């Protein structure tokens, strides 16, 4: 097994077919099939399910795929480090950001990294916190913002900030009297709510507060997709509980949205910056982590990250 075979295999899985992979990898399909057969023979297991619709990894193939992607990223980073001049900071850093965090700090972070470290290629991946955690553990990301400290070994995560959760709804919605600036949690529970599914940390956090008060929320829909969730709320199908970063633009509430504070309880969640490793982290990843912490702190102190506070 060599890195070339692994690169071919990753390309096949990403493409979903040998025909597409041969075009993307610039290798004839018979030669690509031969390399795949050699790899399966060396592993001693079938790595792909083949059908008329294309290919998909088997259980063994999926395990190899994740490790292969990690090894290929390590090779790229090693070559970048070896080629750079003394004192020059270069390399690619993959950073995972949940959608709400990306809304609040994505653009300022990219500007900061480009200004301070022009030789660093920042690869930002947007996704659900659970998916990002898995990618981080599998070595597909260097850094990720997370909401669950228990998902990572001690020392591999630092607290960034705390975000208060608000009831968010369209400005024109008649669900809440326009004169009301806050509601009790009991009043919130009676509203038609659109929330993330139970696998999301935010849903568990909100659910714990309802349970503590003996309240059963009126959940009318639940989604894994943040975009779909916010689209449904914008369309007037209900309200949601989210941090202000869900609707923030340039440090203010986006036009058309209204945020109502919960009067009798402060529900918040902590943002952590997690690293795949710390003791041998590439210099570029360390630099990006530092820039991210600085940007987050600056946004909070200036009031641009609404509803956020720095951890005490």
C-alpha atoms as a PDB file:
ATOM      1  CA  UNK A   1       0.000   0.000   0.000  1.00  0.00           C
ATOM      2  CA  UNK A   2       1.342   3.425  -0.923  1.00  0.00           C
ATOM      3  CA  UNK A   3       0.057   6.991  -0.756  1.00  0.00           C
ATOM      4  CA  UNK A   4      -0.765   6.993  -4.449  1.00  0.00           C
ATOM      5  CA  UNK A   5      -3.166   4.068  -3.990  1.00  0.00           C
ATOM      6  CA  UNK A   6      -4.736   5.817  -0.998  1.00  0.00           C
ATOM      7  CA  UNK A   7      -5.148   9.024  -3.009  1.00  0.00           C
ATOM      8  CA  UNK A   8      -6.863   7.069  -5.771  1.00  0.00           C
ATOM      9  CA  UNK A   9      -9.117   5.317  -3.262  1.00  0.00           C
ATOM     10  CA  UNK A  10     -10.150   8.606  -1.593  1.00  0.00           C
ATOM     11  CA  UNK A  11     -10.857  10.068  -5.023  1.00  0.00           C
ATOM     12  CA  UNK A  12     -13.090   7.125  -5.931  1.00  0.00           C
ATOM     13  CA  UNK A  13     -15.096   7.376  -2.691  1.00  0.00           C
ATOM     14  CA  UNK A  14     -15.465  11.149  -3.013  1.00  0.00           C
ATOM     15  CA  UNK A  15     -16.599  10.845  -6.643  1.00  0.00           C
ATOM     16  CA  UNK A  16     -18.985   7.954  -6.096  1.00  0.00           C
ATOM     17  CA  UNK A  17     -17.954   6.260  -9.335  1.00  0.00           C
ATOM     18  CA  UNK A  18     -14.847   5.000 -11.077  1.00  0.00           C
ATOM     19  CA  UNK A  19     -15.715   6.924 -14.238  1.00  0.00           C
ATOM     20  CA  UNK A  20     -15.880  10.284 -12.452  1.00  0.00           C
ATOM     21  CA  UNK A  21     -12.788   9.499 -10.406  1.00  0.00           C
ATOM     22  CA  UNK A  22     -10.752   8.620 -13.481  1.00  0.00           C
ATOM     23  CA  UNK A  23     -11.539  12.030 -14.979  1.00  0.00           C
ATOM     24  CA  UNK A  24     -10.774  13.934 -11.766  1.00  0.00           C
ATOM     25  CA  UNK A  25      -7.567  12.002 -11.107  1.00  0.00           C
ATOM     26  CA  UNK A  26      -6.464  12.098 -14.756  1.00  0.00           C
ATOM     27  CA  UNK A  27      -5.898   8.357 -14.912  1.00  0.00           C
ATOM     28  CA  UNK A  28      -7.441   5.826 -17.308  1.00  0.00           C
ATOM     29  CA  UNK A  29     -10.297   3.872 -15.795  1.00  0.00           C
ATOM     30  CA  UNK A  30      -8.729   0.428 -16.389  1.00  0.00           C
ATOM     31  CA  UNK A  31      -5.552   1.556 -14.613  1.00  0.00           C
ATOM     32  CA  UNK A  32      -7.610   2.978 -11.745  1.00  0.00           C
ATOM     33  CA  UNK A  33      -9.560  -0.270 -11.420  1.00  0.00           C
ATOM     34  CA  UNK A  34      -6.285  -2.175 -11.347  1.00  0.00           C
ATOM     35  CA  UNK A  35      -4.933  -0.016  -8.520  1.00  0.00           C
ATOM     36  CA  UNK A  36      -8.154  -0.532  -6.574  1.00  0.00           C
ATOM     37  CA  UNK A  37      -7.956  -4.305  -7.049  1.00  0.00           C
ATOM     38  CA  UNK A  38      -4.346  -4.301  -5.791  1.00  0.00           C
ATOM     39  CA  UNK A  39      -5.383  -2.311  -2.732  1.00  0.00           C
ATOM     40  CA  UNK A  40      -8.259  -4.673  -1.922  1.00  0.00           C
ATOM     41  CA  UNK A  41      -5.972  -7.661  -2.410  1.00  0.00           C
ATOM     42  CA  UNK A  42      -3.402  -6.206  -0.012  1.00  0.00           C
ATOM     43  CA  UNK A  43      -6.030  -5.330   2.587  1.00  0.00           C
ATOM     44  CA  UNK A  44      -7.738  -8.694   2.176  1.00  0.00           C
ATOM     45  CA  UNK A  45     -11.203  -7.162   2.307  1.00  0.00           C
ATOM     46  CA  UNK A  46     -13.666  -5.753  -0.185  1.00  0.00           C
ATOM     47  CA  UNK A  47     -13.513  -1.961   0.148  1.00  0.00           C
ATOM     48  CA  UNK A  48     -16.317  -0.863  -2.184  1.00  0.00           C
ATOM     49  CA  UNK A  49     -19.848  -1.935  -2.994  1.00  0.00           C
ATOM     50  CA  UNK A  50     -20.254  -1.794  -6.764  1.00  0.00           C
ATOM     51  CA  UNK A  51     -23.576  -1.235  -8.495  1.00  0.00           C
ATOM     52  CA  UNK A  52     -25.024   0.261 -11.675  1.00  0.00           C
ATOM     53  CA  UNK A  53     -25.417   3.558  -9.818  1.00  0.00           C
ATOM     54  CA  UNK A  54     -21.740   3.747  -8.830  1.00  0.00           C
ATOM     55  CA  UNK A  55     -19.698   2.721  -5.816  1.00  0.00           C
ATOM     56  CA  UNK A  56     -20.005   3.174  -2.050  1.00  0.00           C
ATOM     57  CA  UNK A  57     -17.542   2.177   0.677  1.00  0.00           C
ATOM     58  CA  UNK A  58     -18.059  -0.976   2.722  1.00  0.00           C
ATOM     59  CA  UNK A  59     -17.558  -0.815   6.481  1.00  0.00           C
ATOM     60  CA  UNK A  60     -13.876  -1.649   6.026  1.00  0.00           C
ATOM     61  CA  UNK A  61     -13.656   0.792   3.143  1.00  0.00           C
ATOM     62  CA  UNK A  62     -15.116   3.621   5.195  1.00  0.00           C
ATOM     63  CA  UNK A  63     -12.622   3.016   7.984  1.00  0.00           C
ATOM     64  CA  UNK A  64      -9.754   3.060   5.462  1.00  0.00           C
ATOM     65  CA  UNK A  65     -11.186   6.178   3.801  1.00  0.00           C
ATOM     66  CA  UNK A  66     -11.079   8.217   7.015  1.00  0.00           C
ATOM     67  CA  UNK A  67      -7.536   7.100   7.856  1.00  0.00           C
ATOM     68  CA  UNK A  68      -6.406   7.666   4.276  1.00  0.00           C
ATOM     69  CA  UNK A  69      -7.700  11.241   4.293  1.00  0.00           C
ATOM     70  CA  UNK A  70      -5.828  11.847   7.541  1.00  0.00           C
ATOM     71  CA  UNK A  71      -2.590  10.411   6.112  1.00  0.00           C
ATOM     72  CA  UNK A  72      -2.879  12.476   2.923  1.00  0.00           C
ATOM     73  CA  UNK A  73      -3.435  15.655   4.937  1.00  0.00           C
ATOM     74  CA  UNK A  74      -0.386  14.807   7.050  1.00  0.00           C
ATOM     75  CA  UNK A  75       1.672  14.361   3.887  1.00  0.00           C
ATOM     76  CA  UNK A  76       0.546  17.744   2.540  1.00  0.00           C
ATOM     77  CA  UNK A  77       1.390  19.455   5.809  1.00  0.00           C
ATOM     78  CA  UNK A  78       4.800  17.755   5.985  1.00  0.00           C
ATOM     79  CA  UNK A  79       5.678  18.912   2.464  1.00  0.00           C
ATOM     80  CA  UNK A  80       4.515  22.460   3.208  1.00  0.00           C
ATOM     81  CA  UNK A  81       6.625  22.630   6.365  1.00  0.00           C
ATOM     82  CA  UNK A  82       9.668  21.221   4.578  1.00  0.00           C
ATOM     83  CA  UNK A  83       9.398  23.734   1.727  1.00  0.00           C
ATOM     84  CA  UNK A  84       8.879  26.903   3.733  1.00  0.00           C
ATOM     85  CA  UNK A  85      11.667  29.353   4.458  1.00  0.00           C
ATOM     86  CA  UNK A  86      12.962  29.765   7.975  1.00  0.00           C
ATOM     87  CA  UNK A  87      10.603  31.980   9.934  1.00  0.00           C
ATOM     88  CA  UNK A  88       7.935  31.869   7.222  1.00  0.00           C
ATOM     89  CA  UNK A  89       4.504  30.680   8.317  1.00  0.00           C
ATOM     90  CA  UNK A  90       2.780  28.618   5.649  1.00  0.00           C
ATOM     91  CA  UNK A  91       0.404  25.697   5.443  1.00  0.00           C
ATOM     92  CA  UNK A  92      -3.248  24.742   5.244  1.00  0.00           C
ATOM     93  CA  UNK A  93      -5.414  24.792   8.366  1.00  0.00           C
ATOM     94  CA  UNK A  94      -8.845  23.143   8.360  1.00  0.00           C
ATOM     95  CA  UNK A  95     -11.246  24.787  10.806  1.00  0.00           C
ATOM     96  CA  UNK A  96     -14.739  23.528  11.586  1.00  0.00           C
ATOM     97  CA  UNK A  97     -17.376  26.100  12.560  1.00  0.00           C
ATOM     98  CA  UNK A  98     -21.054  25.565  13.444  1.00  0.00           C
ATOM     99  CA  UNK A  99     -23.429  27.705  11.389  1.00  0.00           C
ATOM    100  CA  UNK A 100     -24.197  30.211  14.145  1.00  0.00           C
ATOM    101  CA  UNK A 101     -20.521  30.721  14.966  1.00  0.00           C
ATOM    102  CA  UNK A 102     -19.728  31.141  11.289  1.00  0.00           C
ATOM    103  CA  UNK A 103     -22.360  33.896  11.048  1.00  0.00           C
ATOM    104  CA  UNK A 104     -20.845  35.779  13.961  1.00  0.00           C
ATOM    105  CA  UNK A 105     -17.128  35.571  13.227  1.00  0.00           C
ATOM    106  CA  UNK A 106     -16.450  33.943   9.863  1.00  0.00           C
ATOM    107  CA  UNK A 107     -15.639  37.087   7.877  1.00  0.00           C
ATOM    108  CA  UNK A 108     -13.671  38.883  10.647  1.00  0.00           C
ATOM    109  CA  UNK A 109     -11.617  35.733  11.193  1.00  0.00           C
ATOM    110  CA  UNK A 110     -10.762  35.324   7.511  1.00  0.00           C
ATOM    111  CA  UNK A 111      -9.702  38.990   7.390  1.00  0.00           C
ATOM    112  CA  UNK A 112      -7.522  38.554  10.475  1.00  0.00           C
ATOM    113  CA  UNK A 113      -5.780  35.448   9.166  1.00  0.00           C
ATOM    114  CA  UNK A 114      -5.226  36.985   5.729  1.00  0.00           C
ATOM    115  CA  UNK A 115      -3.788  40.125   7.322  1.00  0.00           C
ATOM    116  CA  UNK A 116      -1.473  38.456   9.847  1.00  0.00           C
ATOM    117  CA  UNK A 117      -0.601  35.213   8.048  1.00  0.00           C
ATOM    118  CA  UNK A 118      -0.955  35.576   4.255  1.00  0.00           C
ATOM    119  CA  UNK A 119       0.932  32.315   3.705  1.00  0.00           C
ATOM    120  CA  UNK A 120      -1.684  30.290   5.593  1.00  0.00           C
ATOM    121  CA  UNK A 121      -4.491  28.728   3.561  1.00  0.00           C
ATOM    122  CA  UNK A 122      -7.575  28.687   5.799  1.00  0.00           C
ATOM    123  CA  UNK A 123     -10.059  25.934   4.941  1.00  0.00           C
ATOM    124  CA  UNK A 124     -13.342  26.587   6.781  1.00  0.00           C
ATOM    125  CA  UNK A 125     -15.843  23.730   7.051  1.00  0.00           C
ATOM    126  CA  UNK A 126     -19.400  24.526   8.159  1.00  0.00           C
ATOM    127  CA  UNK A 127     -21.342  21.776   9.877  1.00  0.00           C
ATOM    128  CA  UNK A 128     -23.266  20.566  12.900  1.00  0.00           C
ATOM    129  CA  UNK A 129     -21.230  20.412  16.093  1.00  0.00           C
ATOM    130  CA  UNK A 130     -21.529  16.629  16.305  1.00  0.00           C
ATOM    131  CA  UNK A 131     -20.271  16.133  12.756  1.00  0.00           C
ATOM    132  CA  UNK A 132     -17.382  18.526  13.322  1.00  0.00           C
ATOM    133  CA  UNK A 133     -16.410  16.676  16.490  1.00  0.00           C
ATOM    134  CA  UNK A 134     -16.234  13.418  14.559  1.00  0.00           C
ATOM    135  CA  UNK A 135     -14.167  15.011  11.797  1.00  0.00           C
ATOM    136  CA  UNK A 136     -11.791  16.428  14.409  1.00  0.00           C
ATOM    137  CA  UNK A 137     -11.337  13.046  16.076  1.00  0.00           C
ATOM    138  CA  UNK A 138     -10.681  11.424  12.693  1.00  0.00           C
ATOM    139  CA  UNK A 139      -7.988  13.965  11.868  1.00  0.00           C
ATOM    140  CA  UNK A 140      -9.935  15.632   9.048  1.00  0.00           C
ATOM    141  CA  UNK A 141      -9.877  18.980  10.881  1.00  0.00           C
ATOM    142  CA  UNK A 142      -7.128  20.766  12.771  1.00  0.00           C
ATOM    143  CA  UNK A 143      -9.471  22.926  14.852  1.00  0.00           C
ATOM    144  CA  UNK A 144     -13.184  23.174  15.566  1.00  0.00           C
ATOM    145  CA  UNK A 145     -15.532  25.258  17.655  1.00  0.00           C
ATOM    146  CA  UNK A 146     -17.622  22.970  19.848  1.00  0.00           C
ATOM    147  CA  UNK A 147     -20.316  23.239  22.496  1.00  0.00           C
ATOM    148  CA  UNK A 148     -19.616  20.011  24.404  1.00  0.00           C
ATOM    149  CA  UNK A 149     -16.391  19.823  26.405  1.00  0.00           C
ATOM    150  CA  UNK A 150     -16.938  16.154  27.249  1.00  0.00           C
ATOM    151  CA  UNK A 151     -16.303  15.168  23.644  1.00  0.00           C
ATOM    152  CA  UNK A 152     -12.564  15.824  23.920  1.00  0.00           C
ATOM    153  CA  UNK A 153      -9.695  14.808  26.194  1.00  0.00           C
ATOM    154  CA  UNK A 154      -8.676  17.253  28.883  1.00  0.00           C
ATOM    155  CA  UNK A 155      -6.353  19.973  27.629  1.00  0.00           C
ATOM    156  CA  UNK A 156      -7.552  19.868  24.033  1.00  0.00           C
ATOM    157  CA  UNK A 157     -10.254  22.529  24.369  1.00  0.00           C
ATOM    158  CA  UNK A 158     -10.307  26.081  25.694  1.00  0.00           C
ATOM    159  CA  UNK A 159     -13.382  28.148  26.562  1.00  0.00           C
ATOM    160  CA  UNK A 160     -14.055  30.935  24.066  1.00  0.00           C
ATOM    161  CA  UNK A 161     -17.278  32.596  25.225  1.00  0.00           C
ATOM    162  CA  UNK A 162     -20.791  32.055  26.524  1.00  0.00           C
ATOM    163  CA  UNK A 163     -23.864  32.779  24.390  1.00  0.00           C
ATOM    164  CA  UNK A 164     -27.298  33.582  25.814  1.00  0.00           C
ATOM    165  CA  UNK A 165     -30.239  31.987  24.020  1.00  0.00           C
ATOM    166  CA  UNK A 166     -33.177  34.137  22.892  1.00  0.00           C
ATOM    167  CA  UNK A 167     -36.583  33.518  21.423  1.00  0.00           C
ATOM    168  CA  UNK A 168     -36.141  34.424  17.749  1.00  0.00           C
ATOM    169  CA  UNK A 169     -38.994  35.145  15.388  1.00  0.00           C
ATOM    170  CA  UNK A 170     -39.755  37.344  12.375  1.00  0.00           C
ATOM    171  CA  UNK A 171     -40.224  41.037  13.067  1.00  0.00           C
ATOM    172  CA  UNK A 172     -43.717  40.908  11.592  1.00  0.00           C
ATOM    173  CA  UNK A 173     -44.797  37.820  13.554  1.00  0.00           C
ATOM    174  CA  UNK A 174     -47.980  38.101  15.634  1.00  0.00           C
ATOM    175  CA  UNK A 175     -46.951  35.256  17.954  1.00  0.00           C
ATOM    176  CA  UNK A 176     -45.622  37.752  20.511  1.00  0.00           C
ATOM    177  CA  UNK A 177     -46.999  41.205  21.274  1.00  0.00           C
ATOM    178  CA  UNK A 178     -44.612  43.762  19.713  1.00  0.00           C
ATOM    179  CA  UNK A 179     -44.549  45.628  23.036  1.00  0.00           C
ATOM    180  CA  UNK A 180     -43.094  42.619  24.882  1.00  0.00           C
ATOM    181  CA  UNK A 181     -39.313  42.651  25.276  1.00  0.00           C
ATOM    182  CA  UNK A 182     -39.211  39.479  27.352  1.00  0.00           C
ATOM    183  CA  UNK A 183     -41.263  36.366  28.097  1.00  0.00           C
ATOM    184  CA  UNK A 184     -41.232  33.814  30.873  1.00  0.00           C
ATOM    185  CA  UNK A 185     -40.151  30.290  30.010  1.00  0.00           C
ATOM    186  CA  UNK A 186     -43.737  29.132  30.591  1.00  0.00           C
ATOM    187  CA  UNK A 187     -44.948  31.621  27.979  1.00  0.00           C
ATOM    188  CA  UNK A 188     -42.268  30.434  25.578  1.00  0.00           C
ATOM    189  CA  UNK A 189     -43.326  26.809  26.085  1.00  0.00           C
ATOM    190  CA  UNK A 190     -46.852  27.618  24.841  1.00  0.00           C
ATOM    191  CA  UNK A 191     -45.622  29.090  21.544  1.00  0.00           C
ATOM    192  CA  UNK A 192     -45.214  26.910  18.416  1.00  0.00           C
ATOM    193  CA  UNK A 193     -41.491  26.128  18.534  1.00  0.00           C
ATOM    194  CA  UNK A 194     -39.154  24.925  15.804  1.00  0.00           C
ATOM    195  CA  UNK A 195     -36.037  23.397  17.363  1.00  0.00           C
ATOM    196  CA  UNK A 196     -33.027  21.242  16.465  1.00  0.00           C
ATOM    197  CA  UNK A 197     -33.458  17.497  16.923  1.00  0.00           C
ATOM    198  CA  UNK A 198     -32.598  15.785  20.183  1.00  0.00           C
ATOM    199  CA  UNK A 199     -29.105  14.902  18.960  1.00  0.00           C
ATOM    200  CA  UNK A 200     -28.096  18.579  19.109  1.00  0.00           C
ATOM    201  CA  UNK A 201     -26.543  19.963  22.271  1.00  0.00           C
ATOM    202  CA  UNK A 202     -28.671  23.113  22.067  1.00  0.00           C
ATOM    203  CA  UNK A 203     -31.863  21.046  22.093  1.00  0.00           C
ATOM    204  CA  UNK A 204     -30.660  19.106  25.132  1.00  0.00           C
ATOM    205  CA  UNK A 205     -29.737  22.345  26.894  1.00  0.00           C
ATOM    206  CA  UNK A 206     -33.139  23.898  26.218  1.00  0.00           C
ATOM    207  CA  UNK A 207     -34.941  20.659  27.067  1.00  0.00           C
ATOM    208  CA  UNK A 208     -33.204  20.498  30.445  1.00  0.00           C
ATOM    209  CA  UNK A 209     -34.578  23.935  31.375  1.00  0.00           C
ATOM    210  CA  UNK A 210     -38.121  22.989  30.374  1.00  0.00           C
ATOM    211  CA  UNK A 211     -37.853  19.743  32.362  1.00  0.00           C
ATOM    212  CA  UNK A 212     -36.536  21.619  35.395  1.00  0.00           C
ATOM    213  CA  UNK A 213     -39.658  23.798  35.382  1.00  0.00           C
ATOM    214  CA  UNK A 214     -41.996  20.888  34.665  1.00  0.00           C
ATOM    215  CA  UNK A 215     -42.915  22.384  31.288  1.00  0.00           C
ATOM    216  CA  UNK A 216     -43.731  20.583  28.037  1.00  0.00           C
ATOM    217  CA  UNK A 217     -42.777  22.788  25.067  1.00  0.00           C
ATOM    218  CA  UNK A 218     -45.083  23.004  22.061  1.00  0.00           C
ATOM    219  CA  UNK A 219     -42.588  21.717  19.477  1.00  0.00           C
ATOM    220  CA  UNK A 220     -44.221  21.773  16.051  1.00  0.00           C
ATOM    221  CA  UNK A 221     -41.145  20.808  14.005  1.00  0.00           C
ATOM    222  CA  UNK A 222     -37.543  19.761  14.538  1.00  0.00           C
ATOM    223  CA  UNK A 223     -34.677  19.712  12.057  1.00  0.00           C
ATOM    224  CA  UNK A 224     -31.025  18.770  11.820  1.00  0.00           C
ATOM    225  CA  UNK A 225     -30.603  21.426   9.134  1.00  0.00           C
ATOM    226  CA  UNK A 226     -29.980  24.876  10.605  1.00  0.00           C
ATOM    227  CA  UNK A 227     -30.768  26.546   7.274  1.00  0.00           C
ATOM    228  CA  UNK A 228     -34.136  24.813   6.966  1.00  0.00           C
ATOM    229  CA  UNK A 229     -34.946  25.559  10.596  1.00  0.00           C
ATOM    230  CA  UNK A 230     -34.348  29.283  10.184  1.00  0.00           C
ATOM    231  CA  UNK A 231     -36.172  29.345   6.837  1.00  0.00           C
ATOM    232  CA  UNK A 232     -39.270  27.856   8.474  1.00  0.00           C
ATOM    233  CA  UNK A 233     -39.134  30.394  11.294  1.00  0.00           C
ATOM    234  CA  UNK A 234     -38.678  33.219   8.779  1.00  0.00           C
ATOM    235  CA  UNK A 235     -41.727  31.890   6.905  1.00  0.00           C
ATOM    236  CA  UNK A 236     -43.853  32.322  10.031  1.00  0.00           C
ATOM    237  CA  UNK A 237     -44.284  28.645  10.914  1.00  0.00           C
ATOM    238  CA  UNK A 238     -43.093  29.171  14.483  1.00  0.00           C
ATOM    239  CA  UNK A 239     -40.395  30.628  16.716  1.00  0.00           C
ATOM    240  CA  UNK A 240     -37.078  29.164  17.821  1.00  0.00           C
ATOM    241  CA  UNK A 241     -34.551  29.361  20.644  1.00  0.00           C
ATOM    242  CA  UNK A 242     -31.092  30.258  19.379  1.00  0.00           C
ATOM    243  CA  UNK A 243     -28.192  32.582  20.191  1.00  0.00           C
ATOM    244  CA  UNK A 244     -28.133  36.018  18.578  1.00  0.00           C
ATOM    245  CA  UNK A 245     -25.358  34.817  16.280  1.00  0.00           C
ATOM    246  CA  UNK A 246     -28.050  32.889  14.374  1.00  0.00           C
ATOM    247  CA  UNK A 247     -29.380  36.167  12.944  1.00  0.00           C
ATOM    248  CA  UNK A 248     -26.476  38.570  13.424  1.00  0.00           C
ATOM    249  CA  UNK A 249     -24.953  40.541  10.590  1.00  0.00           C
ATOM    250  CA  UNK A 250     -22.063  42.954  11.160  1.00  0.00           C
ATOM    251  CA  UNK A 251     -22.753  43.167  14.890  1.00  0.00           C
ATOM    252  CA  UNK A 252     -26.509  43.828  14.720  1.00  0.00           C
ATOM    253  CA  UNK A 253     -29.704  41.878  14.379  1.00  0.00           C
ATOM    254  CA  UNK A 254     -30.350  41.110  10.738  1.00  0.00           C
ATOM    255  CA  UNK A 255     -33.267  43.034   9.209  1.00  0.00           C
ATOM    256  CA  UNK A 256     -36.583  41.284   9.633  1.00  0.00           C
ATOM    257  CA  UNK A 257     -35.697  39.465  12.857  1.00  0.00           C
ATOM    258  CA  UNK A 258     -36.716  40.046  16.451  1.00  0.00           C
ATOM    259  CA  UNK A 259     -35.035  38.705  19.588  1.00  0.00           C
ATOM    260  CA  UNK A 260     -37.012  38.328  22.821  1.00  0.00           C
ATOM    261  CA  UNK A 261     -35.178  37.669  26.087  1.00  0.00           C
ATOM    262  CA  UNK A 262     -36.340  34.970  28.507  1.00  0.00           C
ATOM    263  CA  UNK A 263     -37.146  36.832  31.699  1.00  0.00           C
ATOM    264  CA  UNK A 264     -37.010  34.228  34.469  1.00  0.00           C
ATOM    265  CA  UNK A 265     -33.998  32.136  33.446  1.00  0.00           C
ATOM    266  CA  UNK A 266     -30.784  32.746  31.552  1.00  0.00           C
ATOM    267  CA  UNK A 267     -30.175  29.855  29.186  1.00  0.00           C
ATOM    268  CA  UNK A 268     -26.682  29.926  27.744  1.00  0.00           C
ATOM    269  CA  UNK A 269     -24.206  27.659  26.051  1.00  0.00           C
ATOM    270  CA  UNK A 270     -20.423  27.761  26.092  1.00  0.00           C
ATOM    271  CA  UNK A 271     -18.308  27.826  22.931  1.00  0.00           C
ATOM    272  CA  UNK A 272     -15.029  25.890  23.083  1.00  0.00           C
ATOM    273  CA  UNK A 273     -12.130  25.885  20.668  1.00  0.00           C
ATOM    274  CA  UNK A 274     -10.981  22.290  20.273  1.00  0.00           C
ATOM    275  CA  UNK A 275      -7.785  21.056  18.657  1.00  0.00           C
ATOM    276  CA  UNK A 276      -6.976  17.678  17.155  1.00  0.00           C
ATOM    277  CA  UNK A 277      -3.733  17.759  19.117  1.00  0.00           C
ATOM    278  CA  UNK A 278      -1.789  20.363  21.064  1.00  0.00           C
ATOM    279  CA  UNK A 279       1.689  19.155  21.885  1.00  0.00           C
ATOM    280  CA  UNK A 280       2.761  18.743  18.231  1.00  0.00           C
ATOM    281  CA  UNK A 281       0.292  21.073  16.502  1.00  0.00           C
ATOM    282  CA  UNK A 282       1.589  22.688  13.281  1.00  0.00           C
ATOM    283  CA  UNK A 283       2.634  26.326  13.676  1.00  0.00           C
ATOM    284  CA  UNK A 284      -0.030  27.421  11.217  1.00  0.00           C
ATOM    285  CA  UNK A 285      -2.782  25.771  13.285  1.00  0.00           C
ATOM    286  CA  UNK A 286      -1.471  27.423  16.449  1.00  0.00           C
ATOM    287  CA  UNK A 287      -1.493  30.793  14.679  1.00  0.00           C
ATOM    288  CA  UNK A 288      -5.078  30.338  13.452  1.00  0.00           C
ATOM    289  CA  UNK A 289      -6.221  29.269  16.926  1.00  0.00           C
ATOM    290  CA  UNK A 290      -4.671  32.417  18.384  1.00  0.00           C
ATOM    291  CA  UNK A 291      -6.318  34.596  15.736  1.00  0.00           C
ATOM    292  CA  UNK A 292      -9.698  32.968  16.386  1.00  0.00           C
ATOM    293  CA  UNK A 293      -9.464  33.601  20.134  1.00  0.00           C
ATOM    294  CA  UNK A 294      -8.459  37.231  19.540  1.00  0.00           C
ATOM    295  CA  UNK A 295     -11.295  37.842  17.067  1.00  0.00           C
ATOM    296  CA  UNK A 296     -13.901  36.259  19.359  1.00  0.00           C
ATOM    297  CA  UNK A 297     -12.745  38.329  22.339  1.00  0.00           C
ATOM    298  CA  UNK A 298     -12.709  41.541  20.292  1.00  0.00           C
ATOM    299  CA  UNK A 299     -16.237  40.935  18.975  1.00  0.00           C
ATOM    300  CA  UNK A 300     -17.547  40.309  22.495  1.00  0.00           C
ATOM    301  CA  UNK A 301     -15.795  43.303  24.085  1.00  0.00           C
ATOM    302  CA  UNK A 302     -16.990  45.658  21.346  1.00  0.00           C
ATOM    303  CA  UNK A 303     -20.577  44.439  21.667  1.00  0.00           C
ATOM    304  CA  UNK A 304     -20.648  43.169  18.085  1.00  0.00           C
ATOM    305  CA  UNK A 305     -21.261  39.580  19.215  1.00  0.00           C
ATOM    306  CA  UNK A 306     -24.629  40.275  20.786  1.00  0.00           C
ATOM    307  CA  UNK A 307     -25.682  38.174  23.741  1.00  0.00           C
ATOM    308  CA  UNK A 308     -22.152  36.841  24.237  1.00  0.00           C
ATOM    309  CA  UNK A 309     -19.870  37.205  27.263  1.00  0.00           C
ATOM    310  CA  UNK A 310     -16.314  36.113  27.919  1.00  0.00           C
ATOM    311  CA  UNK A 311     -15.965  33.182  30.350  1.00  0.00           C
ATOM    312  CA  UNK A 312     -15.000  34.145  33.882  1.00  0.00           C
END
